[in-house]
C-alpha cells in the first residue's frame, strides 16, 4: 500500500466547512464574520507519550482529544484539523482502528480532517487543530484576577495512577486499572464547557502536564498568585471514589502527587469572579461536566498549597517536563 492509497483509504473524506480539503496542497478555511481563528498543535511520540502496545483506536482518539482540549481552554468551537503521521510500516489493520478512533471523535465535535502528511519513520502523530471564537471573547491564561475563584472540571489524577501501574511502579486491582487506563488513553476534551465559560471565566488553561505546573503558567501570565485547598483537590481522583475496593490503597502522598502533578488529565482549570459561582455551576450542569472550586487567585505572587485546617504544605509538587 503506497502513501496516497493509504491517505485515500483511511483519511480522505468529503469536507463541508473547508473550501478545499484532503487532496490539495492547502486547505482553505474561512471563519465566520466577527470570529477569530484559534490554532493549536500537539505531537504524540511513541515511548514518550504512549506505550507501543496501546490500542490504536484509543490512540487515534487521544491524538485529537489533546488538541481539542486546547480549543476548549480558549473557549473555541472546533472547525477542522490536519494530521501529520509518521509510520514504521503501512499496517492496514492498525490504520483501520487508528482512523476509526480519530474520526469518531472528530465527528462528535464537527471537526473535519482537511489535510496533513504521511511518511515512514518511528511512530509519531502531530495534529494541528483549527477553531473559531468570537473576537474579544477568547479565554486566555493572562486574565486571572486577585479574588477570582479557582475551578477545575471533571477529575484529576487517574491518568497518573494508570501510568504508574503500567510502568510496574504500583499494583492496582484490575477494575481500577481499567478505569484509570480509560482516563489515560481516552481523555474527554471539555469543548462544550469551554464555550459555556465565555463571558464567565477570566482565565483558563487545560491540565495537560499537571495542575500545579499548568496553574503556574496562568499565574505567570497574569502576574498573580493562588491558593489551592489540597483537601478538596485530592478528592477529585475518581478511580478510588468510584469503587469501595480502592479504600486504603492510596496514601495521602500518592493522592497529592497524582492530583497536583499527575498530568494527562485534560481537564479545564479556570478562574472566575465569586459573583459568577452560580453561573459557573449552571454551565457545568448544562454541559454535563462536574466543576469544583478548589481555591482562589491572590494578589501575592506564588502558589500556596494548604490542607483542610488552612496549614501550608511543606512539600511542593512538580509537574511533567518533556526535557527533564
C-alpha atoms as a PDB file:
ATOM      1  CA  UNK A   1       0.000   0.000   0.000  1.00  0.00           C
ATOM      2  CA  UNK A   2       1.507   3.314  -1.103  1.00  0.00           C
ATOM      3  CA  UNK A   3       1.290   6.695   0.639  1.00  0.00           C
ATOM      4  CA  UNK A   4      -1.563   8.074  -1.448  1.00  0.00           C
ATOM      5  CA  UNK A   5      -3.536   4.841  -1.330  1.00  0.00           C
ATOM      6  CA  UNK A   6      -3.156   4.964   2.455  1.00  0.00           C
ATOM      7  CA  UNK A   7      -4.498   8.526   2.591  1.00  0.00           C
ATOM      8  CA  UNK A   8      -7.433   7.802   0.281  1.00  0.00           C
ATOM      9  CA  UNK A   9      -8.386   4.610   2.112  1.00  0.00           C
ATOM     10  CA  UNK A  10      -8.181   5.784   5.721  1.00  0.00           C
ATOM     11  CA  UNK A  11      -8.227   9.572   5.863  1.00  0.00           C
ATOM     12  CA  UNK A  12      -9.814  11.200   2.806  1.00  0.00           C
ATOM     13  CA  UNK A  13     -13.403  12.320   3.424  1.00  0.00           C
ATOM     14  CA  UNK A  14     -15.730  14.957   1.968  1.00  0.00           C
ATOM     15  CA  UNK A  15     -15.490  18.325   3.717  1.00  0.00           C
ATOM     16  CA  UNK A  16     -18.291  20.759   4.497  1.00  0.00           C
ATOM     17  CA  UNK A  17     -16.664  23.790   6.127  1.00  0.00           C
ATOM     18  CA  UNK A  18     -13.420  23.976   4.150  1.00  0.00           C
ATOM     19  CA  UNK A  19     -13.313  25.269   0.597  1.00  0.00           C
ATOM     20  CA  UNK A  20     -10.606  22.666  -0.106  1.00  0.00           C
ATOM     21  CA  UNK A  21      -9.624  19.663   1.974  1.00  0.00           C
ATOM     22  CA  UNK A  22      -7.527  16.495   1.675  1.00  0.00           C
ATOM     23  CA  UNK A  23      -6.103  16.144  -1.832  1.00  0.00           C
ATOM     24  CA  UNK A  24      -4.921  19.710  -2.476  1.00  0.00           C
ATOM     25  CA  UNK A  25      -1.689  21.399  -1.470  1.00  0.00           C
ATOM     26  CA  UNK A  26      -3.515  23.567   1.065  1.00  0.00           C
ATOM     27  CA  UNK A  27      -6.874  23.532   2.814  1.00  0.00           C
ATOM     28  CA  UNK A  28      -8.856  26.771   2.703  1.00  0.00           C
ATOM     29  CA  UNK A  29     -10.735  27.758   5.865  1.00  0.00           C
ATOM     30  CA  UNK A  30     -12.903  30.827   6.317  1.00  0.00           C
ATOM     31  CA  UNK A  31     -14.051  31.619   9.858  1.00  0.00           C
ATOM     32  CA  UNK A  32     -17.448  33.271  10.181  1.00  0.00           C
ATOM     33  CA  UNK A  33     -17.589  37.086  10.229  1.00  0.00           C
ATOM     34  CA  UNK A  34     -16.519  38.503  13.587  1.00  0.00           C
ATOM     35  CA  UNK A  35     -14.715  35.313  14.560  1.00  0.00           C
ATOM     36  CA  UNK A  36     -11.033  34.796  15.309  1.00  0.00           C
ATOM     37  CA  UNK A  37      -9.254  31.647  14.184  1.00  0.00           C
ATOM     38  CA  UNK A  38      -7.870  29.602  17.113  1.00  0.00           C
ATOM     39  CA  UNK A  39      -4.966  27.303  16.149  1.00  0.00           C
ATOM     40  CA  UNK A  40      -3.047  24.740  18.215  1.00  0.00           C
ATOM     41  CA  UNK A  41      -0.639  21.845  17.569  1.00  0.00           C
ATOM     42  CA  UNK A  42       0.285  18.810  19.661  1.00  0.00           C
ATOM     43  CA  UNK A  43       2.634  15.921  18.956  1.00  0.00           C
ATOM     44  CA  UNK A  44       2.453  12.379  20.361  1.00  0.00           C
ATOM     45  CA  UNK A  45       5.627  10.286  20.170  1.00  0.00           C
ATOM     46  CA  UNK A  46       5.785   6.556  20.826  1.00  0.00           C
ATOM     47  CA  UNK A  47       7.692   5.805  24.022  1.00  0.00           C
ATOM     48  CA  UNK A  48       7.282   9.368  25.251  1.00  0.00           C
ATOM     49  CA  UNK A  49       3.519   9.931  25.171  1.00  0.00           C
ATOM     50  CA  UNK A  50       2.126   6.419  24.728  1.00  0.00           C
ATOM     51  CA  UNK A  51       3.126   2.784  25.059  1.00  0.00           C
ATOM     52  CA  UNK A  52       3.889   0.694  21.982  1.00  0.00           C
ATOM     53  CA  UNK A  53       1.014  -1.703  22.765  1.00  0.00           C
ATOM     54  CA  UNK A  54      -1.686   0.950  23.114  1.00  0.00           C
ATOM     55  CA  UNK A  55      -5.000   0.206  21.386  1.00  0.00           C
ATOM     56  CA  UNK A  56      -4.757   2.059  18.024  1.00  0.00           C
ATOM     57  CA  UNK A  57      -8.381   3.209  18.331  1.00  0.00           C
ATOM     58  CA  UNK A  58      -7.654   4.762  21.721  1.00  0.00           C
ATOM     59  CA  UNK A  59      -4.509   6.376  20.299  1.00  0.00           C
ATOM     60  CA  UNK A  60      -6.495   7.918  17.445  1.00  0.00           C
ATOM     61  CA  UNK A  61      -8.982   9.292  19.972  1.00  0.00           C
ATOM     62  CA  UNK A  62      -6.289  10.746  22.244  1.00  0.00           C
ATOM     63  CA  UNK A  63      -4.299  12.281  19.395  1.00  0.00           C
ATOM     64  CA  UNK A  64      -7.241  14.525  18.532  1.00  0.00           C
ATOM     65  CA  UNK A  65      -8.580  14.877  22.086  1.00  0.00           C
ATOM     66  CA  UNK A  66      -5.449  16.615  23.370  1.00  0.00           C
ATOM     67  CA  UNK A  67      -5.777  19.194  20.592  1.00  0.00           C
ATOM     68  CA  UNK A  68      -9.493  19.705  21.117  1.00  0.00           C
ATOM     69  CA  UNK A  69      -8.679  20.288  24.788  1.00  0.00           C
ATOM     70  CA  UNK A  70      -6.552  23.292  23.769  1.00  0.00           C
ATOM     71  CA  UNK A  71      -9.500  24.721  21.855  1.00  0.00           C
ATOM     72  CA  UNK A  72     -11.704  24.123  24.896  1.00  0.00           C
ATOM     73  CA  UNK A  73      -9.276  26.090  27.078  1.00  0.00           C
ATOM     74  CA  UNK A  74      -9.614  29.000  24.658  1.00  0.00           C
ATOM     75  CA  UNK A  75     -13.418  28.780  24.520  1.00  0.00           C
ATOM     76  CA  UNK A  76     -13.262  27.987  20.807  1.00  0.00           C
ATOM     77  CA  UNK A  77     -15.553  25.869  18.649  1.00  0.00           C
ATOM     78  CA  UNK A  78     -13.723  23.205  16.593  1.00  0.00           C
ATOM     79  CA  UNK A  79     -13.666  23.598  12.814  1.00  0.00           C
ATOM     80  CA  UNK A  80     -11.004  21.392  11.247  1.00  0.00           C
ATOM     81  CA  UNK A  81      -7.644  19.710  11.746  1.00  0.00           C
ATOM     82  CA  UNK A  82      -4.613  18.424   9.870  1.00  0.00           C
ATOM     83  CA  UNK A  83      -2.764  15.181  10.579  1.00  0.00           C
ATOM     84  CA  UNK A  84       0.965  14.548  10.120  1.00  0.00           C
ATOM     85  CA  UNK A  85       1.659  10.865  10.632  1.00  0.00           C
ATOM     86  CA  UNK A  86       4.994   9.002  10.626  1.00  0.00           C
ATOM     87  CA  UNK A  87       4.577   5.214  10.416  1.00  0.00           C
ATOM     88  CA  UNK A  88       7.133   2.409  10.746  1.00  0.00           C
ATOM     89  CA  UNK A  89       5.044   0.466   8.186  1.00  0.00           C
ATOM     90  CA  UNK A  90       1.699   0.737   6.412  1.00  0.00           C
ATOM     91  CA  UNK A  91      -0.279  -1.721   8.572  1.00  0.00           C
ATOM     92  CA  UNK A  92      -3.875  -1.820   7.323  1.00  0.00           C
ATOM     93  CA  UNK A  93      -5.323  -3.352  10.487  1.00  0.00           C
ATOM     94  CA  UNK A  94      -3.587  -0.746  12.686  1.00  0.00           C
ATOM     95  CA  UNK A  95      -4.649   2.122  10.423  1.00  0.00           C
ATOM     96  CA  UNK A  96      -8.257   0.909  10.347  1.00  0.00           C
ATOM     97  CA  UNK A  97      -8.516   1.129  14.125  1.00  0.00           C
ATOM     98  CA  UNK A  98      -6.463   4.317  14.487  1.00  0.00           C
ATOM     99  CA  UNK A  99      -8.532   6.195  11.909  1.00  0.00           C
ATOM    100  CA  UNK A 100     -11.778   4.881  13.453  1.00  0.00           C
ATOM    101  CA  UNK A 101     -10.899   6.339  16.868  1.00  0.00           C
ATOM    102  CA  UNK A 102      -9.618   9.580  15.364  1.00  0.00           C
ATOM    103  CA  UNK A 103     -12.584  10.202  13.084  1.00  0.00           C
ATOM    104  CA  UNK A 104     -15.241   9.144  15.591  1.00  0.00           C
ATOM    105  CA  UNK A 105     -14.104  11.911  17.944  1.00  0.00           C
ATOM    106  CA  UNK A 106     -13.795  14.324  15.018  1.00  0.00           C
ATOM    107  CA  UNK A 107     -17.392  13.602  14.005  1.00  0.00           C
ATOM    108  CA  UNK A 108     -18.602  14.017  17.590  1.00  0.00           C
ATOM    109  CA  UNK A 109     -17.216  17.572  17.601  1.00  0.00           C
ATOM    110  CA  UNK A 110     -17.905  18.518  13.971  1.00  0.00           C
ATOM    111  CA  UNK A 111     -14.174  18.844  13.321  1.00  0.00           C
ATOM    112  CA  UNK A 112     -13.105  17.952   9.772  1.00  0.00           C
ATOM    113  CA  UNK A 113      -9.832  16.403   8.638  1.00  0.00           C
ATOM    114  CA  UNK A 114      -8.665  18.766   5.875  1.00  0.00           C
ATOM    115  CA  UNK A 115      -5.048  17.811   5.176  1.00  0.00           C
ATOM    116  CA  UNK A 116      -1.680  16.744   6.507  1.00  0.00           C
ATOM    117  CA  UNK A 117       1.220  14.483   5.601  1.00  0.00           C
ATOM    118  CA  UNK A 118       2.347  10.869   5.906  1.00  0.00           C
ATOM    119  CA  UNK A 119       5.863   9.458   5.910  1.00  0.00           C
ATOM    120  CA  UNK A 120       7.854   6.440   7.012  1.00  0.00           C
ATOM    121  CA  UNK A 121       9.659   6.567  10.347  1.00  0.00           C
ATOM    122  CA  UNK A 122       9.221   5.953  14.086  1.00  0.00           C
ATOM    123  CA  UNK A 123       5.558   6.273  15.091  1.00  0.00           C
ATOM    124  CA  UNK A 124       4.833   9.962  15.560  1.00  0.00           C
ATOM    125  CA  UNK A 125       1.483  11.773  15.388  1.00  0.00           C
ATOM    126  CA  UNK A 126       1.213  15.551  15.028  1.00  0.00           C
ATOM    127  CA  UNK A 127      -2.168  17.258  14.765  1.00  0.00           C
ATOM    128  CA  UNK A 128      -2.899  20.921  14.169  1.00  0.00           C
ATOM    129  CA  UNK A 129      -6.439  21.923  15.049  1.00  0.00           C
ATOM    130  CA  UNK A 130      -8.392  24.994  13.977  1.00  0.00           C
ATOM    131  CA  UNK A 131     -11.328  26.542  15.785  1.00  0.00           C
ATOM    132  CA  UNK A 132     -13.213  29.812  15.925  1.00  0.00           C
ATOM    133  CA  UNK A 133     -14.076  32.101  18.798  1.00  0.00           C
ATOM    134  CA  UNK A 134     -15.892  35.465  18.778  1.00  0.00           C
ATOM    135  CA  UNK A 135     -13.497  38.406  18.676  1.00  0.00           C
ATOM    136  CA  UNK A 136     -12.576  39.566  22.176  1.00  0.00           C
ATOM    137  CA  UNK A 137     -14.173  36.543  23.886  1.00  0.00           C
ATOM    138  CA  UNK A 138     -11.313  34.020  23.888  1.00  0.00           C
ATOM    139  CA  UNK A 139     -10.338  32.601  27.275  1.00  0.00           C
ATOM    140  CA  UNK A 140      -6.674  33.386  27.955  1.00  0.00           C
ATOM    141  CA  UNK A 141      -4.058  32.441  30.540  1.00  0.00           C
ATOM    142  CA  UNK A 142      -3.388  36.097  31.263  1.00  0.00           C
ATOM    143  CA  UNK A 143      -6.802  37.123  32.630  1.00  0.00           C
ATOM    144  CA  UNK A 144      -6.742  35.799  36.212  1.00  0.00           C
ATOM    145  CA  UNK A 145      -7.519  38.464  38.810  1.00  0.00           C
ATOM    146  CA  UNK A 146      -6.989  38.567  42.571  1.00  0.00           C
ATOM    147  CA  UNK A 147     -10.195  37.465  44.266  1.00  0.00           C
ATOM    148  CA  UNK A 148     -11.219  35.057  41.491  1.00  0.00           C
ATOM    149  CA  UNK A 149     -12.374  31.596  42.451  1.00  0.00           C
ATOM    150  CA  UNK A 150     -10.193  28.802  41.082  1.00  0.00           C
ATOM    151  CA  UNK A 151     -12.118  25.938  39.473  1.00  0.00           C
ATOM    152  CA  UNK A 152     -11.329  22.626  37.808  1.00  0.00           C
ATOM    153  CA  UNK A 153     -13.555  20.426  35.669  1.00  0.00           C
ATOM    154  CA  UNK A 154     -14.017  16.683  35.989  1.00  0.00           C
ATOM    155  CA  UNK A 155     -11.480  14.536  37.823  1.00  0.00           C
ATOM    156  CA  UNK A 156      -7.717  14.623  38.355  1.00  0.00           C
ATOM    157  CA  UNK A 157      -5.005  12.053  38.952  1.00  0.00           C
ATOM    158  CA  UNK A 158      -6.443   8.897  37.406  1.00  0.00           C
ATOM    159  CA  UNK A 159      -4.193   9.055  34.341  1.00  0.00           C
ATOM    160  CA  UNK A 160      -1.114   9.282  36.575  1.00  0.00           C
ATOM    161  CA  UNK A 161      -2.256   6.252  38.553  1.00  0.00           C
ATOM    162  CA  UNK A 162      -2.673   4.268  35.341  1.00  0.00           C
ATOM    163  CA  UNK A 163       0.762   5.349  34.135  1.00  0.00           C
ATOM    164  CA  UNK A 164       2.420   4.233  37.370  1.00  0.00           C
ATOM    165  CA  UNK A 165       0.621   0.878  37.219  1.00  0.00           C
ATOM    166  CA  UNK A 166       1.510   0.283  33.569  1.00  0.00           C
ATOM    167  CA  UNK A 167       5.148   1.078  34.336  1.00  0.00           C
ATOM    168  CA  UNK A 168       5.096  -1.505  37.128  1.00  0.00           C
ATOM    169  CA  UNK A 169       5.579   1.126  39.828  1.00  0.00           C
ATOM    170  CA  UNK A 170       2.386   0.208  41.718  1.00  0.00           C
ATOM    171  CA  UNK A 171      -0.229  -2.543  41.722  1.00  0.00           C
ATOM    172  CA  UNK A 172      -3.874  -1.713  41.109  1.00  0.00           C
ATOM    173  CA  UNK A 173      -6.842  -4.087  41.212  1.00  0.00           C
ATOM    174  CA  UNK A 174      -7.881  -4.933  37.642  1.00  0.00           C
ATOM    175  CA  UNK A 175     -11.189  -2.972  37.718  1.00  0.00           C
ATOM    176  CA  UNK A 176      -9.426   0.137  38.987  1.00  0.00           C
ATOM    177  CA  UNK A 177      -6.632  -0.161  36.459  1.00  0.00           C
ATOM    178  CA  UNK A 178      -9.155  -0.475  33.623  1.00  0.00           C
ATOM    179  CA  UNK A 179     -10.971   2.636  34.807  1.00  0.00           C
ATOM    180  CA  UNK A 180      -7.796   4.633  35.290  1.00  0.00           C
ATOM    181  CA  UNK A 181      -6.369   3.497  31.944  1.00  0.00           C
ATOM    182  CA  UNK A 182      -9.521   4.721  30.221  1.00  0.00           C
ATOM    183  CA  UNK A 183      -8.800   8.195  31.591  1.00  0.00           C
ATOM    184  CA  UNK A 184      -5.174   7.982  30.445  1.00  0.00           C
ATOM    185  CA  UNK A 185      -5.864   6.742  26.928  1.00  0.00           C
ATOM    186  CA  UNK A 186      -9.295   8.263  26.162  1.00  0.00           C
ATOM    187  CA  UNK A 187      -9.433  11.732  27.758  1.00  0.00           C
ATOM    188  CA  UNK A 188     -12.569  13.810  27.364  1.00  0.00           C
ATOM    189  CA  UNK A 189     -11.941  17.250  25.822  1.00  0.00           C
ATOM    190  CA  UNK A 190     -14.207  19.764  27.607  1.00  0.00           C
ATOM    191  CA  UNK A 191     -15.151  21.627  24.431  1.00  0.00           C
ATOM    192  CA  UNK A 192     -18.752  22.449  25.374  1.00  0.00           C
ATOM    193  CA  UNK A 193     -17.757  23.693  28.823  1.00  0.00           C
ATOM    194  CA  UNK A 194     -15.054  25.933  27.366  1.00  0.00           C
ATOM    195  CA  UNK A 195     -17.595  27.654  25.145  1.00  0.00           C
ATOM    196  CA  UNK A 196     -20.079  27.940  28.014  1.00  0.00           C
ATOM    197  CA  UNK A 197     -17.437  29.727  30.129  1.00  0.00           C
ATOM    198  CA  UNK A 198     -17.021  32.600  27.657  1.00  0.00           C
ATOM    199  CA  UNK A 199     -18.090  35.734  29.484  1.00  0.00           C
ATOM    200  CA  UNK A 200     -17.885  33.969  32.874  1.00  0.00           C
ATOM    201  CA  UNK A 201     -14.257  32.936  33.325  1.00  0.00           C
ATOM    202  CA  UNK A 202     -11.405  35.427  33.480  1.00  0.00           C
ATOM    203  CA  UNK A 203      -8.723  32.855  32.569  1.00  0.00           C
ATOM    204  CA  UNK A 204      -8.395  29.218  31.544  1.00  0.00           C
ATOM    205  CA  UNK A 205      -5.872  26.514  30.671  1.00  0.00           C
ATOM    206  CA  UNK A 206      -6.159  22.786  30.087  1.00  0.00           C
ATOM    207  CA  UNK A 207      -4.425  20.491  32.566  1.00  0.00           C
ATOM    208  CA  UNK A 208      -2.011  18.502  30.425  1.00  0.00           C
ATOM    209  CA  UNK A 209       1.246  18.490  32.439  1.00  0.00           C
ATOM    210  CA  UNK A 210      -0.225  18.652  35.946  1.00  0.00           C
ATOM    211  CA  UNK A 211      -2.412  21.011  37.989  1.00  0.00           C
ATOM    212  CA  UNK A 212       0.431  22.814  39.777  1.00  0.00           C
ATOM    213  CA  UNK A 213       2.563  23.302  36.674  1.00  0.00           C
ATOM    214  CA  UNK A 214      -0.263  24.424  34.428  1.00  0.00           C
ATOM    215  CA  UNK A 215      -1.596  26.811  37.076  1.00  0.00           C
ATOM    216  CA  UNK A 216       1.912  28.242  37.194  1.00  0.00           C
ATOM    217  CA  UNK A 217       1.570  29.267  33.535  1.00  0.00           C
ATOM    218  CA  UNK A 218      -1.625  31.166  34.386  1.00  0.00           C
ATOM    219  CA  UNK A 219      -0.063  32.876  37.394  1.00  0.00           C
ATOM    220  CA  UNK A 220       2.999  33.997  35.438  1.00  0.00           C
ATOM    221  CA  UNK A 221       0.899  35.291  32.549  1.00  0.00           C
ATOM    222  CA  UNK A 222      -1.494  37.078  34.913  1.00  0.00           C
ATOM    223  CA  UNK A 223       1.072  38.435  37.381  1.00  0.00           C
ATOM    224  CA  UNK A 224      -0.811  36.871  40.271  1.00  0.00           C
ATOM    225  CA  UNK A 225      -0.592  34.156  42.932  1.00  0.00           C
ATOM    226  CA  UNK A 226      -3.009  31.473  44.099  1.00  0.00           C
ATOM    227  CA  UNK A 227      -4.109  29.217  46.914  1.00  0.00           C
ATOM    228  CA  UNK A 228      -5.206  25.580  46.445  1.00  0.00           C
ATOM    229  CA  UNK A 229      -7.122  23.672  49.125  1.00  0.00           C
ATOM    230  CA  UNK A 230      -5.497  20.260  48.754  1.00  0.00           C
ATOM    231  CA  UNK A 231      -8.178  18.571  50.876  1.00  0.00           C
ATOM    232  CA  UNK A 232     -10.604  19.353  48.052  1.00  0.00           C
ATOM    233  CA  UNK A 233      -8.213  18.673  45.176  1.00  0.00           C
ATOM    234  CA  UNK A 234      -7.280  15.191  46.374  1.00  0.00           C
ATOM    235  CA  UNK A 235     -10.957  14.165  46.431  1.00  0.00           C
ATOM    236  CA  UNK A 236     -11.105  14.725  42.667  1.00  0.00           C
ATOM    237  CA  UNK A 237      -9.375  11.441  41.924  1.00  0.00           C
ATOM    238  CA  UNK A 238     -12.258   9.406  40.523  1.00  0.00           C
ATOM    239  CA  UNK A 239     -10.745   5.933  40.351  1.00  0.00           C
ATOM    240  CA  UNK A 240     -10.780   5.466  44.110  1.00  0.00           C
ATOM    241  CA  UNK A 241     -14.029   7.317  44.708  1.00  0.00           C
ATOM    242  CA  UNK A 242     -15.966   5.136  42.288  1.00  0.00           C
ATOM    243  CA  UNK A 243     -15.045   1.793  43.831  1.00  0.00           C
ATOM    244  CA  UNK A 244     -15.055   0.959  47.528  1.00  0.00           C
ATOM    245  CA  UNK A 245     -12.335  -1.636  46.877  1.00  0.00           C
ATOM    246  CA  UNK A 246      -9.941   1.290  46.499  1.00  0.00           C
ATOM    247  CA  UNK A 247     -10.311   2.364  50.115  1.00  0.00           C
ATOM    248  CA  UNK A 248      -6.964   2.268  51.847  1.00  0.00           C
ATOM    249  CA  UNK A 249      -4.969   1.660  48.661  1.00  0.00           C
ATOM    250  CA  UNK A 250      -3.759   5.234  48.244  1.00  0.00           C
ATOM    251  CA  UNK A 251      -1.834   7.103  50.912  1.00  0.00           C
ATOM    252  CA  UNK A 252      -2.044  10.869  51.165  1.00  0.00           C
ATOM    253  CA  UNK A 253       1.234  11.491  49.366  1.00  0.00           C
ATOM    254  CA  UNK A 254       0.054   9.406  46.396  1.00  0.00           C
ATOM    255  CA  UNK A 255      -3.194  11.335  46.231  1.00  0.00           C
ATOM    256  CA  UNK A 256      -1.355  14.652  46.376  1.00  0.00           C
ATOM    257  CA  UNK A 257       1.220  13.658  43.755  1.00  0.00           C
ATOM    258  CA  UNK A 258      -1.348  12.296  41.327  1.00  0.00           C
ATOM    259  CA  UNK A 259      -3.885  15.111  41.608  1.00  0.00           C
ATOM    260  CA  UNK A 260      -1.445  18.028  41.852  1.00  0.00           C
ATOM    261  CA  UNK A 261       1.293  16.901  39.463  1.00  0.00           C
ATOM    262  CA  UNK A 262      -0.076  13.928  37.557  1.00  0.00           C
ATOM    263  CA  UNK A 263      -0.671  15.283  34.074  1.00  0.00           C
ATOM    264  CA  UNK A 264      -2.627  13.814  31.151  1.00  0.00           C
ATOM    265  CA  UNK A 265      -5.923  14.875  32.772  1.00  0.00           C
ATOM    266  CA  UNK A 266      -7.036  17.274  30.003  1.00  0.00           C
ATOM    267  CA  UNK A 267      -9.492  18.979  32.301  1.00  0.00           C
ATOM    268  CA  UNK A 268     -10.071  22.725  32.356  1.00  0.00           C
ATOM    269  CA  UNK A 269      -8.532  24.837  35.112  1.00  0.00           C
ATOM    270  CA  UNK A 270     -10.109  28.288  35.163  1.00  0.00           C
ATOM    271  CA  UNK A 271     -10.708  31.326  37.314  1.00  0.00           C
ATOM    272  CA  UNK A 272     -13.935  33.300  37.618  1.00  0.00           C
ATOM    273  CA  UNK A 273     -15.204  36.037  39.933  1.00  0.00           C
ATOM    274  CA  UNK A 274     -17.202  34.905  43.005  1.00  0.00           C
ATOM    275  CA  UNK A 275     -20.351  36.576  41.692  1.00  0.00           C
ATOM    276  CA  UNK A 276     -20.348  34.042  38.833  1.00  0.00           C
ATOM    277  CA  UNK A 277     -20.392  30.959  41.065  1.00  0.00           C
ATOM    278  CA  UNK A 278     -23.982  30.056  40.290  1.00  0.00           C
ATOM    279  CA  UNK A 279     -23.462  30.670  36.571  1.00  0.00           C
ATOM    280  CA  UNK A 280     -20.324  28.505  36.535  1.00  0.00           C
ATOM    281  CA  UNK A 281     -22.206  25.689  38.256  1.00  0.00           C
ATOM    282  CA  UNK A 282     -25.012  26.101  35.715  1.00  0.00           C
ATOM    283  CA  UNK A 283     -22.508  25.924  32.856  1.00  0.00           C
ATOM    284  CA  UNK A 284     -21.178  22.674  34.266  1.00  0.00           C
ATOM    285  CA  UNK A 285     -24.662  21.221  34.584  1.00  0.00           C
ATOM    286  CA  UNK A 286     -25.672  22.360  31.092  1.00  0.00           C
ATOM    287  CA  UNK A 287     -22.628  20.624  29.587  1.00  0.00           C
ATOM    288  CA  UNK A 288     -22.819  17.528  31.828  1.00  0.00           C
ATOM    289  CA  UNK A 289     -19.390  18.377  33.259  1.00  0.00           C
ATOM    290  CA  UNK A 290     -18.703  18.423  37.014  1.00  0.00           C
ATOM    291  CA  UNK A 291     -16.920  21.584  38.166  1.00  0.00           C
ATOM    292  CA  UNK A 292     -15.250  22.017  41.561  1.00  0.00           C
ATOM    293  CA  UNK A 293     -13.979  25.129  43.315  1.00  0.00           C
ATOM    294  CA  UNK A 294     -10.518  24.285  44.654  1.00  0.00           C
ATOM    295  CA  UNK A 295      -9.041  27.627  45.708  1.00  0.00           C
ATOM    296  CA  UNK A 296      -8.612  31.253  44.777  1.00  0.00           C
ATOM    297  CA  UNK A 297      -6.415  33.685  42.882  1.00  0.00           C
ATOM    298  CA  UNK A 298      -4.469  36.015  45.175  1.00  0.00           C
ATOM    299  CA  UNK A 299      -2.505  39.214  44.683  1.00  0.00           C
ATOM    300  CA  UNK A 300       0.678  37.953  46.377  1.00  0.00           C
ATOM    301  CA  UNK A 301       2.906  36.089  43.884  1.00  0.00           C
ATOM    302  CA  UNK A 302       3.447  32.343  44.190  1.00  0.00           C
ATOM    303  CA  UNK A 303       1.333  29.269  44.802  1.00  0.00           C
ATOM    304  CA  UNK A 304       0.278  28.217  48.306  1.00  0.00           C
ATOM    305  CA  UNK A 305      -0.907  24.656  48.958  1.00  0.00           C
ATOM    306  CA  UNK A 306      -2.967  24.353  52.143  1.00  0.00           C
ATOM    307  CA  UNK A 307      -4.612  21.469  54.000  1.00  0.00           C
ATOM    308  CA  UNK A 308      -8.126  21.277  55.447  1.00  0.00           C
ATOM    309  CA  UNK A 309      -7.011  23.288  58.517  1.00  0.00           C
ATOM    310  CA  UNK A 310      -5.509  26.043  56.378  1.00  0.00           C
ATOM    311  CA  UNK A 311      -1.923  24.987  57.108  1.00  0.00           C
ATOM    312  CA  UNK A 312       0.683  25.300  54.374  1.00  0.00           C
ATOM    313  CA  UNK A 313       2.141  22.103  52.916  1.00  0.00           C
ATOM    314  CA  UNK A 314       5.902  21.972  53.208  1.00  0.00           C
ATOM    315  CA  UNK A 315       6.362  19.746  50.151  1.00  0.00           C
ATOM    316  CA  UNK A 316       5.924  21.149  46.676  1.00  0.00           C
ATOM    317  CA  UNK A 317       4.850  19.107  43.671  1.00  0.00           C
ATOM    318  CA  UNK A 318       6.453  19.472  40.246  1.00  0.00           C
ATOM    319  CA  UNK A 319       4.588  18.790  37.011  1.00  0.00           C
ATOM    320  CA  UNK A 320       5.794  16.942  33.951  1.00  0.00           C
ATOM    321  CA  UNK A 321       8.582  18.472  31.846  1.00  0.00           C
ATOM    322  CA  UNK A 322       9.472  16.939  28.467  1.00  0.00           C
ATOM    323  CA  UNK A 323      13.169  17.767  28.875  1.00  0.00           C
ATOM    324  CA  UNK A 324      13.774  16.823  32.496  1.00  0.00           C
END
